[in-house]
All heavy atoms as atom14 arrays in JSON, in Angstrom:
{
  "sequence": "HKAIRADPAAKPTEKKTAAEYTRRRQTPLNAKQRKDRVRQ",
  "atom14_mask": [
    [1, 1, 1, 1, 1, 1, 1, 1, 1, 1, 0, 0, 0, 0],
    [1, 1, 1, 1, 1, 1, 1, 1, 1, 0, 0, 0, 0, 0],
    [1, 1, 1, 1, 1, 0, 0, 0, 0, 0, 0, 0, 0, 0],
    [1, 1, 1, 1, 1, 1, 1, 1, 0, 0, 0, 0, 0, 0],
    [1, 1, 1, 1, 1, 1, 1, 1, 1, 1, 1, 0, 0, 0],
    [1, 1, 1, 1, 1, 0, 0, 0, 0, 0, 0, 0, 0, 0],
    [1, 1, 1, 1, 1, 1, 1, 1, 0, 0, 0, 0, 0, 0],
    [1, 1, 1, 1, 1, 1, 1, 0, 0, 0, 0, 0, 0, 0],
    [1, 1, 1, 1, 1, 0, 0, 0, 0, 0, 0, 0, 0, 0],
    [1, 1, 1, 1, 1, 0, 0, 0, 0, 0, 0, 0, 0, 0],
    [1, 1, 1, 1, 1, 1, 1, 1, 1, 0, 0, 0, 0, 0],
    [1, 1, 1, 1, 1, 1, 1, 0, 0, 0, 0, 0, 0, 0],
    [1, 1, 1, 1, 1, 1, 1, 0, 0, 0, 0, 0, 0, 0],
    [1, 1, 1, 1, 1, 1, 1, 1, 1, 0, 0, 0, 0, 0],
    [1, 1, 1, 1, 1, 1, 1, 1, 1, 0, 0, 0, 0, 0],
    [1, 1, 1, 1, 1, 1, 1, 1, 1, 0, 0, 0, 0, 0],
    [1, 1, 1, 1, 1, 1, 1, 0, 0, 0, 0, 0, 0, 0],
    [1, 1, 1, 1, 1, 0, 0, 0, 0, 0, 0, 0, 0, 0],
    [1, 1, 1, 1, 1, 0, 0, 0, 0, 0, 0, 0, 0, 0],
    [1, 1, 1, 1, 1, 1, 1, 1, 1, 0, 0, 0, 0, 0],
    [1, 1, 1, 1, 1, 1, 1, 1, 1, 1, 1, 1, 0, 0],
    [1, 1, 1, 1, 1, 1, 1, 0, 0, 0, 0, 0, 0, 0],
    [1, 1, 1, 1, 1, 1, 1, 1, 1, 1, 1, 0, 0, 0],
    [1, 1, 1, 1, 1, 1, 1, 1, 1, 1, 1, 0, 0, 0],
    [1, 1, 1, 1, 1, 1, 1, 1, 1, 1, 1, 0, 0, 0],
    [1, 1, 1, 1, 1, 1, 1, 1, 1, 0, 0, 0, 0, 0],
    [1, 1, 1, 1, 1, 1, 1, 0, 0, 0, 0, 0, 0, 0],
    [1, 1, 1, 1, 1, 1, 1, 0, 0, 0, 0, 0, 0, 0],
    [1, 1, 1, 1, 1, 1, 1, 1, 0, 0, 0, 0, 0, 0],
    [1, 1, 1, 1, 1, 1, 1, 1, 0, 0, 0, 0, 0, 0],
    [1, 1, 1, 1, 1, 0, 0, 0, 0, 0, 0, 0, 0, 0],
    [1, 1, 1, 1, 1, 1, 1, 1, 1, 0, 0, 0, 0, 0],
    [1, 1, 1, 1, 1, 1, 1, 1, 1, 0, 0, 0, 0, 0],
    [1, 1, 1, 1, 1, 1, 1, 1, 1, 1, 1, 0, 0, 0],
    [1, 1, 1, 1, 1, 1, 1, 1, 1, 0, 0, 0, 0, 0],
    [1, 1, 1, 1, 1, 1, 1, 1, 0, 0, 0, 0, 0, 0],
    [1, 1, 1, 1, 1, 1, 1, 1, 1, 1, 1, 0, 0, 0],
    [1, 1, 1, 1, 1, 1, 1, 0, 0, 0, 0, 0, 0, 0],
    [1, 1, 1, 1, 1, 1, 1, 1, 1, 1, 1, 0, 0, 0],
    [1, 1, 1, 1, 1, 1, 1, 1, 1, 0, 0, 0, 0, 0]
  ],
  "atom14_positions": [
    [[13.02, -24.42, 20.17], [14.33, -24.22, 20.82], [15.47, -24.89, 20.0], [16.53, -24.3, 19.84], [14.28, -24.83, 22.22], [13.29, -24.17, 23.12], [12.83, -24.74, 24.29], [12.63, -22.98, 23.04], [11.98, -23.94, 24.87], [11.85, -22.85, 24.12], [0.0, 0.0, 0.0], [0.0, 0.0, 0.0], [0.0, 0.0, 0.0], [0.0, 0.0, 0.0]],
    [[15.19, -26.03, 19.47], [16.16, -26.74, 18.63], [16.45, -25.97, 17.33], [17.59, -25.82, 16.92], [15.71, -28.16, 18.33], [15.8, -29.12, 19.51], [15.35, -30.5, 19.09], [15.4, -31.45, 20.29], [14.88, -32.8, 19.95], [0.0, 0.0, 0.0], [0.0, 0.0, 0.0], [0.0, 0.0, 0.0], [0.0, 0.0, 0.0], [0.0, 0.0, 0.0]],
    [[15.38, -25.46, 16.74], [15.52, -24.73, 15.46], [16.28, -23.43, 15.7], [17.1, -23.01, 14.86], [14.14, -24.43, 14.9], [0.0, 0.0, 0.0], [0.0, 0.0, 0.0], [0.0, 0.0, 0.0], [0.0, 0.0, 0.0], [0.0, 0.0, 0.0], [0.0, 0.0, 0.0], [0.0, 0.0, 0.0], [0.0, 0.0, 0.0], [0.0, 0.0, 0.0]],
    [[16.05, -22.78, 16.83], [16.75, -21.53, 17.13], [18.24, -21.77, 17.29], [19.1, -21.04, 16.77], [16.19, -20.87, 18.42], [14.82, -20.24, 18.15], [17.14, -19.79, 18.97], [14.04, -19.85, 19.37], [0.0, 0.0, 0.0], [0.0, 0.0, 0.0], [0.0, 0.0, 0.0], [0.0, 0.0, 0.0], [0.0, 0.0, 0.0], [0.0, 0.0, 0.0]],
    [[18.58, -22.85, 17.99], [20.01, -23.17, 18.16], [20.68, -23.58, 16.84], [21.84, -23.3, 16.63], [20.15, -24.31, 19.18], [19.87, -23.89, 20.62], [20.07, -25.03, 21.61], [19.88, -24.53, 22.99], [20.84, -23.96, 23.7], [22.03, -23.8, 23.19], [20.61, -23.55, 24.91], [0.0, 0.0, 0.0], [0.0, 0.0, 0.0], [0.0, 0.0, 0.0]],
    [[19.9, -24.19, 15.93], [20.42, -24.61, 14.67], [20.72, -23.43, 13.75], [21.72, -23.41, 13.02], [19.47, -25.57, 13.98], [0.0, 0.0, 0.0], [0.0, 0.0, 0.0], [0.0, 0.0, 0.0], [0.0, 0.0, 0.0], [0.0, 0.0, 0.0], [0.0, 0.0, 0.0], [0.0, 0.0, 0.0], [0.0, 0.0, 0.0], [0.0, 0.0, 0.0]],
    [[19.85, -22.43, 13.75], [20.0, -21.27, 12.86], [19.43, -20.01, 13.47], [18.27, -19.65, 13.24], [19.31, -21.57, 11.49], [19.45, -20.38, 10.54], [20.41, -19.57, 10.71], [18.65, -20.27, 9.6], [0.0, 0.0, 0.0], [0.0, 0.0, 0.0], [0.0, 0.0, 0.0], [0.0, 0.0, 0.0], [0.0, 0.0, 0.0], [0.0, 0.0, 0.0]],
    [[20.25, -19.31, 14.3], [19.74, -18.1, 14.95], [19.87, -16.81, 14.12], [19.43, -15.75, 14.54], [20.62, -18.0, 16.2], [21.91, -18.58, 15.79], [21.6, -19.65, 14.77], [0.0, 0.0, 0.0], [0.0, 0.0, 0.0], [0.0, 0.0, 0.0], [0.0, 0.0, 0.0], [0.0, 0.0, 0.0], [0.0, 0.0, 0.0], [0.0, 0.0, 0.0]],
    [[20.49, -16.93, 12.96], [20.76, -15.72, 12.16], [19.48, -15.03, 11.73], [18.48, -15.65, 11.44], [21.61, -16.1, 10.93], [0.0, 0.0, 0.0], [0.0, 0.0, 0.0], [0.0, 0.0, 0.0], [0.0, 0.0, 0.0], [0.0, 0.0, 0.0], [0.0, 0.0, 0.0], [0.0, 0.0, 0.0], [0.0, 0.0, 0.0], [0.0, 0.0, 0.0]],
    [[19.56, -13.7, 11.7], [18.38, -12.9, 11.28], [18.26, -12.95, 9.74], [19.27, -12.92, 9.04], [18.57, -11.45, 11.75], [0.0, 0.0, 0.0], [0.0, 0.0, 0.0], [0.0, 0.0, 0.0], [0.0, 0.0, 0.0], [0.0, 0.0, 0.0], [0.0, 0.0, 0.0], [0.0, 0.0, 0.0], [0.0, 0.0, 0.0], [0.0, 0.0, 0.0]],
    [[17.03, -13.0, 9.3], [16.76, -13.01, 7.86], [15.99, -11.75, 7.53], [14.84, -11.56, 7.95], [15.97, -14.24, 7.45], [16.81, -15.52, 7.47], [16.07, -16.66, 6.88], [16.93, -17.92, 6.9], [16.2, -19.1, 6.35], [0.0, 0.0, 0.0], [0.0, 0.0, 0.0], [0.0, 0.0, 0.0], [0.0, 0.0, 0.0], [0.0, 0.0, 0.0]],
    [[16.61, -10.81, 6.76], [15.91, -9.57, 6.46], [14.68, -9.82, 5.6], [14.67, -10.71, 4.72], [16.97, -8.76, 5.68], [17.94, -9.77, 5.15], [17.94, -10.91, 6.15], [0.0, 0.0, 0.0], [0.0, 0.0, 0.0], [0.0, 0.0, 0.0], [0.0, 0.0, 0.0], [0.0, 0.0, 0.0], [0.0, 0.0, 0.0], [0.0, 0.0, 0.0]],
    [[13.63, -9.05, 5.86], [12.42, -9.19, 5.05], [12.63, -8.54, 3.69], [13.4, -7.63, 3.55], [11.26, -8.49, 5.78], [11.61, -7.12, 6.03], [10.91, -9.19, 7.07], [0.0, 0.0, 0.0], [0.0, 0.0, 0.0], [0.0, 0.0, 0.0], [0.0, 0.0, 0.0], [0.0, 0.0, 0.0], [0.0, 0.0, 0.0], [0.0, 0.0, 0.0]],
    [[11.89, -9.03, 2.73], [12.0, -8.49, 1.37], [11.25, -7.18, 1.32], [10.07, -7.11, 1.61], [11.41, -9.47, 0.37], [12.23, -10.78, 0.26], [11.64, -11.72, -0.78], [10.66, -11.32, -1.46], [12.12, -12.83, -0.91], [0.0, 0.0, 0.0], [0.0, 0.0, 0.0], [0.0, 0.0, 0.0], [0.0, 0.0, 0.0], [0.0, 0.0, 0.0]],
    [[11.98, -6.16, 0.94], [11.37, -4.81, 0.85], [10.8, -4.58, -0.54], [11.42, -4.97, -1.54], [12.41, -3.75, 1.14], [13.15, -3.91, 2.47], [12.25, -3.68, 3.64], [13.06, -3.83, 4.93], [12.2, -3.71, 6.11], [0.0, 0.0, 0.0], [0.0, 0.0, 0.0], [0.0, 0.0, 0.0], [0.0, 0.0, 0.0], [0.0, 0.0, 0.0]],
    [[9.64, -3.96, -0.6], [9.06, -3.6, -1.9], [9.79, -2.39, -2.47], [10.18, -1.49, -1.75], [7.57, -3.27, -1.72], [6.7, -4.48, -1.49], [5.24, -4.07, -1.46], [4.36, -5.28, -1.28], [2.91, -4.86, -1.24], [0.0, 0.0, 0.0], [0.0, 0.0, 0.0], [0.0, 0.0, 0.0], [0.0, 0.0, 0.0], [0.0, 0.0, 0.0]],
    [[9.94, -2.39, -3.75], [10.51, -1.23, -4.43], [9.39, -0.17, -4.6], [8.2, -0.48, -4.44], [11.05, -1.61, -5.8], [10.0, -2.14, -6.59], [12.18, -2.64, -5.67], [0.0, 0.0, 0.0], [0.0, 0.0, 0.0], [0.0, 0.0, 0.0], [0.0, 0.0, 0.0], [0.0, 0.0, 0.0], [0.0, 0.0, 0.0], [0.0, 0.0, 0.0]],
    [[9.8, 1.05, -4.9], [8.84, 2.12, -5.05], [7.85, 1.85, -6.19], [6.68, 2.25, -6.13], [9.58, 3.43, -5.34], [0.0, 0.0, 0.0], [0.0, 0.0, 0.0], [0.0, 0.0, 0.0], [0.0, 0.0, 0.0], [0.0, 0.0, 0.0], [0.0, 0.0, 0.0], [0.0, 0.0, 0.0], [0.0, 0.0, 0.0], [0.0, 0.0, 0.0]],
    [[8.33, 1.13, -7.2], [7.44, 0.84, -8.35], [6.32, -0.15, -7.98], [5.28, -0.16, -8.6], [8.27, 0.29, -9.52], [0.0, 0.0, 0.0], [0.0, 0.0, 0.0], [0.0, 0.0, 0.0], [0.0, 0.0, 0.0], [0.0, 0.0, 0.0], [0.0, 0.0, 0.0], [0.0, 0.0, 0.0], [0.0, 0.0, 0.0], [0.0, 0.0, 0.0]],
    [[6.6, -1.02, -6.94], [5.62, -2.04, -6.6], [4.47, -1.5, -5.72], [3.44, -2.13, -5.6], [6.33, -3.17, -5.82], [7.24, -4.0, -6.71], [8.02, -5.04, -5.91], [8.4, -4.74, -4.77], [8.25, -6.13, -6.46], [0.0, 0.0, 0.0], [0.0, 0.0, 0.0], [0.0, 0.0, 0.0], [0.0, 0.0, 0.0], [0.0, 0.0, 0.0]],
    [[4.68, -0.34, -5.14], [3.61, 0.23, -4.31], [2.56, 0.88, -5.22], [2.86, 1.56, -6.19], [4.18, 1.31, -3.38], [4.84, 0.75, -2.18], [6.26, 0.66, -2.11], [4.14, 0.27, -1.08], [6.89, 0.14, -1.01], [4.76, -0.24, 0.03], [6.14, -0.31, 0.07], [6.75, -0.84, 1.16], [0.0, 0.0, 0.0], [0.0, 0.0, 0.0]],
    [[1.3, 0.58, -4.93], [0.18, 1.14, -5.71], [-0.43, 2.29, -4.91], [-0.83, 2.14, -3.77], [-0.88, 0.08, -5.99], [-1.29, -0.49, -4.77], [-0.33, -0.98, -6.91], [0.0, 0.0, 0.0], [0.0, 0.0, 0.0], [0.0, 0.0, 0.0], [0.0, 0.0, 0.0], [0.0, 0.0, 0.0], [0.0, 0.0, 0.0], [0.0, 0.0, 0.0]],
    [[-0.48, 3.46, -5.54], [-1.07, 4.63, -4.89], [-2.57, 4.64, -5.16], [-3.02, 4.5, -6.3], [-0.41, 5.93, -5.4], [1.08, 5.94, -5.13], [1.65, 7.3, -5.51], [1.23, 8.32, -4.57], [1.59, 9.6, -4.66], [2.42, 9.99, -5.63], [1.19, 10.49, -3.8], [0.0, 0.0, 0.0], [0.0, 0.0, 0.0], [0.0, 0.0, 0.0]],
    [[-3.31, 4.75, -4.09], [-4.77, 4.72, -4.21], [-5.41, 6.08, -3.97], [-6.37, 6.24, -3.28], [-5.34, 3.69, -3.19], [-4.88, 2.28, -3.43], [-5.47, 1.32, -2.46], [-5.01, -0.04, -2.7], [-5.38, -1.09, -1.99], [-6.23, -0.93, -0.95], [-4.91, -2.29, -2.27], [0.0, 0.0, 0.0], [0.0, 0.0, 0.0], [0.0, 0.0, 0.0]],
    [[-4.8, 7.07, -4.59], [-5.31, 8.43, -4.47], [-6.5, 8.57, -5.42], [-6.43, 8.25, -6.58], [-4.26, 9.45, -4.81], [-4.7, 10.89, -4.64], [-3.62, 11.86, -5.05], [-2.52, 11.84, -4.09], [-1.38, 12.5, -4.26], [-1.24, 13.29, -5.32], [-0.43, 12.44, -3.36], [0.0, 0.0, 0.0], [0.0, 0.0, 0.0], [0.0, 0.0, 0.0]],
    [[-7.61, 9.09, -4.85], [-8.81, 9.25, -5.68], [-8.66, 10.43, -6.61], [-8.05, 11.46, -6.29], [-10.0, 9.54, -4.76], [-10.42, 8.28, -3.98], [-11.66, 8.54, -3.14], [-12.0, 9.68, -2.87], [-12.33, 7.49, -2.72], [0.0, 0.0, 0.0], [0.0, 0.0, 0.0], [0.0, 0.0, 0.0], [0.0, 0.0, 0.0], [0.0, 0.0, 0.0]],
    [[-9.21, 10.26, -7.84], [-9.19, 11.34, -8.8], [-10.19, 12.45, -8.36], [-11.32, 12.16, -8.06], [-9.61, 10.79, -10.17], [-8.84, 9.68, -10.51], [-9.45, 11.86, -11.22], [0.0, 0.0, 0.0], [0.0, 0.0, 0.0], [0.0, 0.0, 0.0], [0.0, 0.0, 0.0], [0.0, 0.0, 0.0], [0.0, 0.0, 0.0], [0.0, 0.0, 0.0]],
    [[-9.69, 13.67, -8.23], [-10.6, 14.74, -7.76], [-11.73, 15.02, -8.78], [-11.53, 14.89, -9.97], [-9.66, 15.95, -7.64], [-8.5, 15.64, -8.51], [-8.35, 14.17, -8.49], [0.0, 0.0, 0.0], [0.0, 0.0, 0.0], [0.0, 0.0, 0.0], [0.0, 0.0, 0.0], [0.0, 0.0, 0.0], [0.0, 0.0, 0.0], [0.0, 0.0, 0.0]],
    [[-12.91, 15.32, -8.24], [-14.08, 15.6, -9.08], [-13.97, 17.04, -9.63], [-13.5, 17.94, -8.92], [-15.35, 15.46, -8.28], [-15.55, 14.09, -7.64], [-16.85, 14.1, -6.79], [-15.63, 12.97, -8.66], [0.0, 0.0, 0.0], [0.0, 0.0, 0.0], [0.0, 0.0, 0.0], [0.0, 0.0, 0.0], [0.0, 0.0, 0.0], [0.0, 0.0, 0.0]],
    [[-14.49, 17.2, -10.84], [-14.56, 18.57, -11.38], [-15.83, 19.26, -10.9], [-16.63, 18.66, -10.22], [-14.45, 18.57, -12.91], [-15.52, 17.74, -13.56], [-16.62, 17.66, -13.06], [-15.18, 17.09, -14.71], [0.0, 0.0, 0.0], [0.0, 0.0, 0.0], [0.0, 0.0, 0.0], [0.0, 0.0, 0.0], [0.0, 0.0, 0.0], [0.0, 0.0, 0.0]],
    [[-16.05, 20.51, -11.29], [-17.18, 21.31, -10.78], [-18.5, 20.65, -11.15], [-19.44, 20.58, -10.36], [-17.1, 22.75, -11.29], [0.0, 0.0, 0.0], [0.0, 0.0, 0.0], [0.0, 0.0, 0.0], [0.0, 0.0, 0.0], [0.0, 0.0, 0.0], [0.0, 0.0, 0.0], [0.0, 0.0, 0.0], [0.0, 0.0, 0.0], [0.0, 0.0, 0.0]],
    [[-18.61, 20.19, -12.41], [-19.86, 19.57, -12.89], [-20.18, 18.32, -12.09], [-21.33, 18.08, -11.71], [-19.71, 19.26, -14.38], [-20.98, 18.76, -15.01], [-20.78, 18.47, -16.52], [-22.04, 17.95, -17.14], [-21.84, 17.64, -18.58], [0.0, 0.0, 0.0], [0.0, 0.0, 0.0], [0.0, 0.0, 0.0], [0.0, 0.0, 0.0], [0.0, 0.0, 0.0]],
    [[-19.17, 17.49, -11.84], [-19.38, 16.24, -11.11], [-19.79, 16.5, -9.66], [-20.6, 15.82, -9.09], [-18.1, 15.39, -11.14], [-17.8, 14.79, -12.52], [-16.43, 14.16, -12.58], [-15.5, 14.6, -11.93], [-16.28, 13.14, -13.4], [0.0, 0.0, 0.0], [0.0, 0.0, 0.0], [0.0, 0.0, 0.0], [0.0, 0.0, 0.0], [0.0, 0.0, 0.0]],
    [[-19.15, 17.56, -9.05], [-19.52, 17.9, -7.66], [-20.97, 18.34, -7.57], [-21.68, 17.96, -6.64], [-18.55, 18.99, -7.15], [-17.16, 18.5, -6.84], [-16.44, 19.48, -5.95], [-16.36, 20.81, -6.51], [-15.36, 21.24, -7.3], [-14.41, 20.4, -7.68], [-15.34, 22.5, -7.78], [0.0, 0.0, 0.0], [0.0, 0.0, 0.0], [0.0, 0.0, 0.0]],
    [[-21.39, 19.2, -8.51], [-22.75, 19.67, -8.49], [-23.77, 18.54, -8.72], [-24.81, 18.48, -8.08], [-22.95, 20.75, -9.57], [-22.29, 22.07, -9.23], [-22.4, 23.06, -10.39], [-21.66, 24.37, -10.04], [-21.69, 25.34, -11.17], [0.0, 0.0, 0.0], [0.0, 0.0, 0.0], [0.0, 0.0, 0.0], [0.0, 0.0, 0.0], [0.0, 0.0, 0.0]],
    [[-23.38, 17.62, -9.61], [-24.26, 16.47, -9.89], [-24.35, 15.58, -8.62], [-25.44, 15.03, -8.33], [-23.7, 15.68, -11.06], [-24.62, 14.54, -11.47], [-25.83, 14.84, -11.75], [-24.16, 13.4, -11.49], [0.0, 0.0, 0.0], [0.0, 0.0, 0.0], [0.0, 0.0, 0.0], [0.0, 0.0, 0.0], [0.0, 0.0, 0.0], [0.0, 0.0, 0.0]],
    [[-23.24, 15.43, -7.89], [-23.21, 14.61, -6.66], [-24.15, 15.25, -5.61], [-24.88, 14.55, -4.93], [-21.76, 14.55, -6.14], [-21.56, 13.57, -5.0], [-20.1, 13.26, -4.94], [-19.85, 12.52, -3.68], [-19.33, 13.03, -2.58], [-19.04, 14.32, -2.55], [-19.11, 12.3, -1.5], [0.0, 0.0, 0.0], [0.0, 0.0, 0.0], [0.0, 0.0, 0.0]],
    [[-24.1, 16.58, -5.49], [-24.98, 17.26, -4.55], [-26.44, 17.09, -4.92], [-27.29, 16.84, -4.06], [-24.61, 18.78, -4.47], [-25.65, 19.55, -3.67], [-23.21, 18.97, -3.89], [0.0, 0.0, 0.0], [0.0, 0.0, 0.0], [0.0, 0.0, 0.0], [0.0, 0.0, 0.0], [0.0, 0.0, 0.0], [0.0, 0.0, 0.0], [0.0, 0.0, 0.0]],
    [[-26.73, 17.2, -6.25], [-28.09, 17.04, -6.74], [-28.64, 15.63, -6.4], [-29.77, 15.48, -5.95], [-28.15, 17.27, -8.25], [-29.53, 17.2, -8.9], [-29.46, 17.33, -10.37], [-28.59, 16.31, -10.98], [-28.92, 15.03, -11.16], [-30.12, 14.6, -10.74], [-28.08, 14.18, -11.69], [0.0, 0.0, 0.0], [0.0, 0.0, 0.0], [0.0, 0.0, 0.0]],
    [[-27.76, 14.62, -6.62], [-28.18, 13.25, -6.33], [-28.48, 13.05, -4.85], [-29.42, 12.36, -4.43], [-27.09, 12.27, -6.77], [-26.96, 12.12, -8.26], [-25.8, 11.23, -8.65], [-25.19, 10.59, -7.8], [-25.49, 11.19, -9.94], [0.0, 0.0, 0.0], [0.0, 0.0, 0.0], [0.0, 0.0, 0.0], [0.0, 0.0, 0.0], [0.0, 0.0, 0.0]]
  ]
}
């Protein structure tokens, strides 16, 4: 309660830039890899 009265101002969160986001999209398998996966 004391801390709120001392500083009630909102502090915006730090937003990540587009470059900082890591995309975890899997690399699609080719025909040979798909057939090998089925065989296994």
